Every structure is written in structure tokens, then in C-alpha cells.
């Protein structure tokens, strides 16, 4: 199921430290969204993706595969892709 895959990927992002530059309350909100998504089997995609666009893929211990996995989901869902700095990539 897509929701579970998105939750798993977001958990992996959290554990890799790509959100460590965000304030604690925002990280707590992201964790809460993940828990709610598990319980209700639905995840608010737009808020989740807004966090993905703010990641720091240059954090230590971050696999380049994470960026590719995020972009694969975003592309399938019709959203702009992320570059390595966590910014949206717009097609010209």
C-alpha cells in the first residue's frame, strides 16, 4: 500500500537525520502525522511532501537512494521533484 511505503520512507528520512535542522516542534508534528497515518491508514500527502521539500540530503549518513526514492514517489503523484538541497525542481 502506498501509505505504508510513504510512512516507511519518511521514517527512514527521519532516522537518517535529514530533518535535524528543523525546529523540534516541526519534527514532532511530522512524527505525529506518521503515527496518525498508521492508525487511520491514510496520510495527509501535501503536508508530508512539504516536509520532504525541506530535507537536507547533505546530512551525514544519508544515502543518495533516499533522494531517488522520494523523487520517484513525487513524480508518480505529479509533484515537483526535489534536488539535493531539498528544493523543488521545476521543469522549464
N, C-alpha and C. Protein backbone atom coordinates (compact mmCIF):
# COMPACT_ATOMS: atom_id res chain seq x y z
N UNK A 1 0.84 -1.19 0.00
CA UNK A 1 0.00 0.00 0.00
C UNK A 1 0.88 1.25 0.00
N UNK A 2 0.47 2.26 -0.73
CA UNK A 2 1.25 3.48 -0.87
C UNK A 2 1.45 4.17 0.47
N UNK A 3 0.41 4.22 1.31
CA UNK A 3 0.53 4.90 2.59
C UNK A 3 1.64 4.28 3.43
N UNK A 4 1.67 2.96 3.51
CA UNK A 4 2.71 2.30 4.30
C UNK A 4 4.09 2.56 3.73
N UNK A 5 4.22 2.57 2.42
CA UNK A 5 5.51 2.85 1.79
C UNK A 5 5.97 4.27 2.08
N UNK A 6 5.05 5.22 2.02
CA UNK A 6 5.39 6.61 2.32
C UNK A 6 5.77 6.77 3.78
N UNK A 7 5.07 6.07 4.66
CA UNK A 7 5.40 6.11 6.09
C UNK A 7 6.79 5.53 6.32
N UNK A 8 7.07 4.38 5.70
CA UNK A 8 8.38 3.75 5.86
C UNK A 8 9.49 4.65 5.34
N UNK A 9 9.29 5.26 4.19
CA UNK A 9 10.30 6.13 3.62
C UNK A 9 10.51 7.37 4.50
N UNK A 10 9.43 7.93 5.00
CA UNK A 10 9.55 9.12 5.86
C UNK A 10 10.25 8.76 7.17
N UNK A 11 9.97 7.59 7.69
CA UNK A 11 10.69 7.12 8.90
C UNK A 11 12.18 6.98 8.62
N UNK A 12 12.50 6.45 7.46
CA UNK A 12 13.91 6.32 7.10
C UNK A 12 14.57 7.69 6.97
N UNK A 13 13.85 8.64 6.40
CA UNK A 13 14.37 10.02 6.33
C UNK A 13 14.61 10.58 7.73
N UNK A 14 13.64 10.37 8.61
CA UNK A 14 13.80 10.85 9.99
C UNK A 14 15.02 10.23 10.66
N UNK A 15 15.17 8.93 10.52
CA UNK A 15 16.28 8.26 11.19
C UNK A 15 17.64 8.62 10.59
N UNK A 16 17.65 9.07 9.34
CA UNK A 16 18.92 9.45 8.71
C UNK A 16 19.35 10.87 9.07
N UNK A 17 18.47 11.62 9.70
CA UNK A 17 18.85 12.95 10.18
C UNK A 17 18.60 14.10 9.22
N UNK A 18 17.87 13.87 8.14
CA UNK A 18 17.68 14.94 7.15
C UNK A 18 16.76 16.05 7.64
N UNK A 19 16.05 15.81 8.74
CA UNK A 19 15.17 16.84 9.29
C UNK A 19 15.75 17.51 10.54
N UNK A 20 16.96 17.15 10.92
CA UNK A 20 17.54 17.65 12.17
C UNK A 20 17.68 19.17 12.22
N UNK A 21 17.68 19.83 11.07
CA UNK A 21 17.80 21.28 11.04
C UNK A 21 16.47 21.98 11.35
N UNK A 22 15.37 21.22 11.37
CA UNK A 22 14.06 21.79 11.66
C UNK A 22 13.85 21.94 13.16
N UNK A 23 13.00 22.87 13.57
CA UNK A 23 12.69 23.01 15.00
C UNK A 23 12.04 21.73 15.54
N UNK A 24 12.25 21.47 16.82
CA UNK A 24 11.72 20.25 17.45
C UNK A 24 10.21 20.10 17.28
N UNK A 25 9.49 21.22 17.35
CA UNK A 25 8.03 21.11 17.24
C UNK A 25 7.60 20.65 15.84
N UNK A 26 8.36 20.99 14.82
CA UNK A 26 8.03 20.53 13.47
C UNK A 26 8.35 19.06 13.29
N UNK A 27 9.45 18.61 13.88
CA UNK A 27 9.78 17.19 13.83
C UNK A 27 8.73 16.39 14.59
N UNK A 28 8.29 16.92 15.71
CA UNK A 28 7.24 16.24 16.49
C UNK A 28 5.94 16.17 15.68
N UNK A 29 5.61 17.24 14.96
CA UNK A 29 4.40 17.22 14.12
C UNK A 29 4.52 16.18 13.02
N UNK A 30 5.69 16.05 12.42
CA UNK A 30 5.90 15.05 11.39
C UNK A 30 5.74 13.64 11.96
N UNK A 31 6.31 13.41 13.13
CA UNK A 31 6.16 12.10 13.78
C UNK A 31 4.68 11.82 14.09
N UNK A 32 3.96 12.84 14.52
CA UNK A 32 2.54 12.68 14.82
C UNK A 32 1.77 12.32 13.54
N UNK A 33 2.09 12.99 12.43
CA UNK A 33 1.44 12.69 11.15
C UNK A 33 1.67 11.23 10.76
N UNK A 34 2.88 10.75 10.99
CA UNK A 34 3.19 9.35 10.65
C UNK A 34 2.37 8.40 11.53
N UNK A 35 2.30 8.69 12.81
CA UNK A 35 1.51 7.83 13.71
C UNK A 35 0.04 7.84 13.33
N UNK A 36 -0.50 9.01 13.01
CA UNK A 36 -1.89 9.11 12.58
C UNK A 36 -2.11 8.34 11.29
N UNK A 37 -1.18 8.44 10.37
CA UNK A 37 -1.28 7.74 9.09
C UNK A 37 -1.31 6.24 9.27
N UNK A 38 -0.56 5.75 10.24
CA UNK A 38 -0.57 4.31 10.53
C UNK A 38 -1.91 3.87 11.09
N UNK A 39 -2.43 4.65 12.01
CA UNK A 39 -3.69 4.28 12.68
C UNK A 39 -4.87 4.36 11.73
N UNK A 40 -4.91 5.40 10.94
CA UNK A 40 -6.07 5.64 10.09
C UNK A 40 -5.89 5.15 8.67
N UNK A 41 -4.70 4.60 8.38
CA UNK A 41 -4.37 4.10 7.06
C UNK A 41 -4.55 5.16 5.97
N UNK A 42 -4.33 6.40 6.36
CA UNK A 42 -4.28 7.46 5.37
C UNK A 42 -3.36 8.54 5.89
N UNK A 43 -2.65 9.14 5.00
CA UNK A 43 -1.62 10.10 5.35
C UNK A 43 -1.90 11.39 4.58
N UNK A 44 -1.86 12.54 5.26
CA UNK A 44 -2.06 13.80 4.53
C UNK A 44 -0.84 14.08 3.65
N UNK A 45 -0.97 13.83 2.36
CA UNK A 45 0.18 13.87 1.46
C UNK A 45 0.79 15.26 1.29
N UNK A 46 -0.04 16.27 1.13
CA UNK A 46 0.51 17.61 0.89
C UNK A 46 1.38 18.07 2.07
N UNK A 47 0.91 17.94 3.32
CA UNK A 47 1.80 18.32 4.44
C UNK A 47 3.05 17.45 4.51
N UNK A 48 2.90 16.16 4.22
CA UNK A 48 4.06 15.27 4.25
C UNK A 48 5.09 15.71 3.20
N UNK A 49 4.63 15.94 1.98
CA UNK A 49 5.55 16.35 0.93
C UNK A 49 6.18 17.71 1.22
N UNK A 50 5.46 18.59 1.91
CA UNK A 50 6.06 19.89 2.26
C UNK A 50 7.27 19.69 3.17
N UNK A 51 7.26 18.64 3.99
CA UNK A 51 8.44 18.32 4.79
C UNK A 51 9.55 17.77 3.91
N UNK A 52 9.19 16.92 2.97
CA UNK A 52 10.21 16.34 2.09
C UNK A 52 10.97 17.43 1.35
N UNK A 53 10.27 18.50 0.96
CA UNK A 53 10.93 19.58 0.23
C UNK A 53 11.90 20.37 1.10
N UNK A 54 11.87 20.13 2.40
CA UNK A 54 12.74 20.88 3.31
C UNK A 54 13.88 20.03 3.88
N UNK A 55 14.10 18.86 3.32
CA UNK A 55 15.14 17.98 3.83
C UNK A 55 16.53 18.48 3.48
N UNK A 56 17.50 17.98 4.21
CA UNK A 56 18.90 18.29 3.97
C UNK A 56 19.58 16.99 3.56
N UNK A 57 19.64 16.74 2.25
CA UNK A 57 20.22 15.49 1.77
C UNK A 57 21.74 15.48 1.85
N UNK A 58 22.34 16.56 2.34
CA UNK A 58 23.78 16.57 2.56
C UNK A 58 24.13 16.25 4.00
N UNK A 59 23.15 15.86 4.79
CA UNK A 59 23.41 15.43 6.17
C UNK A 59 24.28 14.18 6.16
N UNK A 60 25.08 14.01 7.21
CA UNK A 60 25.88 12.77 7.28
C UNK A 60 24.95 11.54 7.33
N UNK A 61 25.42 10.45 6.84
CA UNK A 61 24.70 9.16 6.86
C UNK A 61 23.47 9.11 5.97
N UNK A 62 23.37 10.00 5.00
CA UNK A 62 22.22 9.99 4.11
C UNK A 62 22.60 9.30 2.80
N UNK A 63 21.83 8.30 2.46
CA UNK A 63 22.06 7.57 1.21
C UNK A 63 21.45 8.35 0.05
N UNK A 64 22.16 8.44 -1.08
CA UNK A 64 21.58 9.08 -2.27
C UNK A 64 20.32 8.37 -2.73
N UNK A 65 20.17 7.12 -2.36
CA UNK A 65 18.99 6.36 -2.72
C UNK A 65 17.72 6.98 -2.12
N UNK A 66 17.84 7.61 -0.95
CA UNK A 66 16.67 8.25 -0.33
C UNK A 66 16.10 9.35 -1.22
N UNK A 67 16.98 10.17 -1.78
CA UNK A 67 16.53 11.24 -2.67
C UNK A 67 15.83 10.65 -3.89
N UNK A 68 16.41 9.59 -4.45
CA UNK A 68 15.80 8.95 -5.61
C UNK A 68 14.42 8.38 -5.26
N UNK A 69 14.30 7.73 -4.12
CA UNK A 69 13.02 7.15 -3.70
C UNK A 69 11.97 8.24 -3.51
N UNK A 70 12.36 9.34 -2.88
CA UNK A 70 11.42 10.46 -2.69
C UNK A 70 10.97 11.00 -4.05
N UNK A 71 11.92 11.22 -4.94
CA UNK A 71 11.58 11.76 -6.26
C UNK A 71 10.72 10.80 -7.07
N UNK A 72 10.94 9.50 -6.90
CA UNK A 72 10.09 8.52 -7.59
C UNK A 72 8.64 8.67 -7.15
N UNK A 73 8.41 8.78 -5.83
CA UNK A 73 7.05 8.97 -5.33
C UNK A 73 6.46 10.29 -5.81
N UNK A 74 7.24 11.36 -5.70
CA UNK A 74 6.74 12.67 -6.11
C UNK A 74 6.37 12.68 -7.59
N UNK A 75 7.19 12.07 -8.40
CA UNK A 75 6.91 12.03 -9.84
C UNK A 75 5.62 11.26 -10.12
N UNK A 76 5.46 10.11 -9.47
CA UNK A 76 4.25 9.31 -9.67
C UNK A 76 2.99 10.05 -9.24
N UNK A 77 3.14 10.92 -8.25
CA UNK A 77 1.98 11.65 -7.72
C UNK A 77 1.79 13.01 -8.40
N UNK A 78 2.65 13.32 -9.37
CA UNK A 78 2.51 14.56 -10.12
C UNK A 78 3.02 15.80 -9.42
N UNK A 79 3.95 15.63 -8.49
CA UNK A 79 4.51 16.77 -7.75
C UNK A 79 5.90 17.10 -8.29
N UNK A 80 6.36 18.33 -8.06
CA UNK A 80 7.73 18.69 -8.48
C UNK A 80 8.75 17.81 -7.77
N UNK A 81 9.87 17.57 -8.42
CA UNK A 81 10.94 16.77 -7.84
C UNK A 81 11.77 17.61 -6.89
N UNK A 82 12.60 16.94 -6.10
CA UNK A 82 13.48 17.59 -5.12
C UNK A 82 14.90 17.51 -5.64
N UNK A 83 15.65 18.60 -5.50
CA UNK A 83 17.07 18.49 -5.79
C UNK A 83 17.79 18.15 -4.48
N UNK A 84 19.08 17.97 -4.53
CA UNK A 84 19.82 17.52 -3.34
C UNK A 84 19.81 18.53 -2.20
N UNK A 85 19.46 19.77 -2.48
CA UNK A 85 19.39 20.77 -1.42
C UNK A 85 18.02 20.84 -0.79
N UNK A 86 17.11 19.96 -1.22
CA UNK A 86 15.78 19.96 -0.65
C UNK A 86 14.85 21.00 -1.25
N UNK A 87 15.20 21.51 -2.42
CA UNK A 87 14.37 22.50 -3.09
C UNK A 87 13.59 21.83 -4.20
N UNK A 88 12.43 22.37 -4.50
CA UNK A 88 11.64 21.83 -5.61
C UNK A 88 12.35 22.13 -6.92
N UNK A 89 12.30 21.17 -7.81
CA UNK A 89 12.81 21.36 -9.17
C UNK A 89 11.64 21.58 -10.09
N UNK A 90 11.65 22.69 -10.77
CA UNK A 90 10.55 22.99 -11.71
C UNK A 90 11.03 22.73 -13.12
N UNK A 91 10.16 22.14 -13.89
CA UNK A 91 10.52 21.87 -15.28
C UNK A 91 10.39 23.14 -16.09
N UNK A 92 11.35 23.37 -16.97
CA UNK A 92 11.34 24.60 -17.78
C UNK A 92 10.36 24.47 -18.93
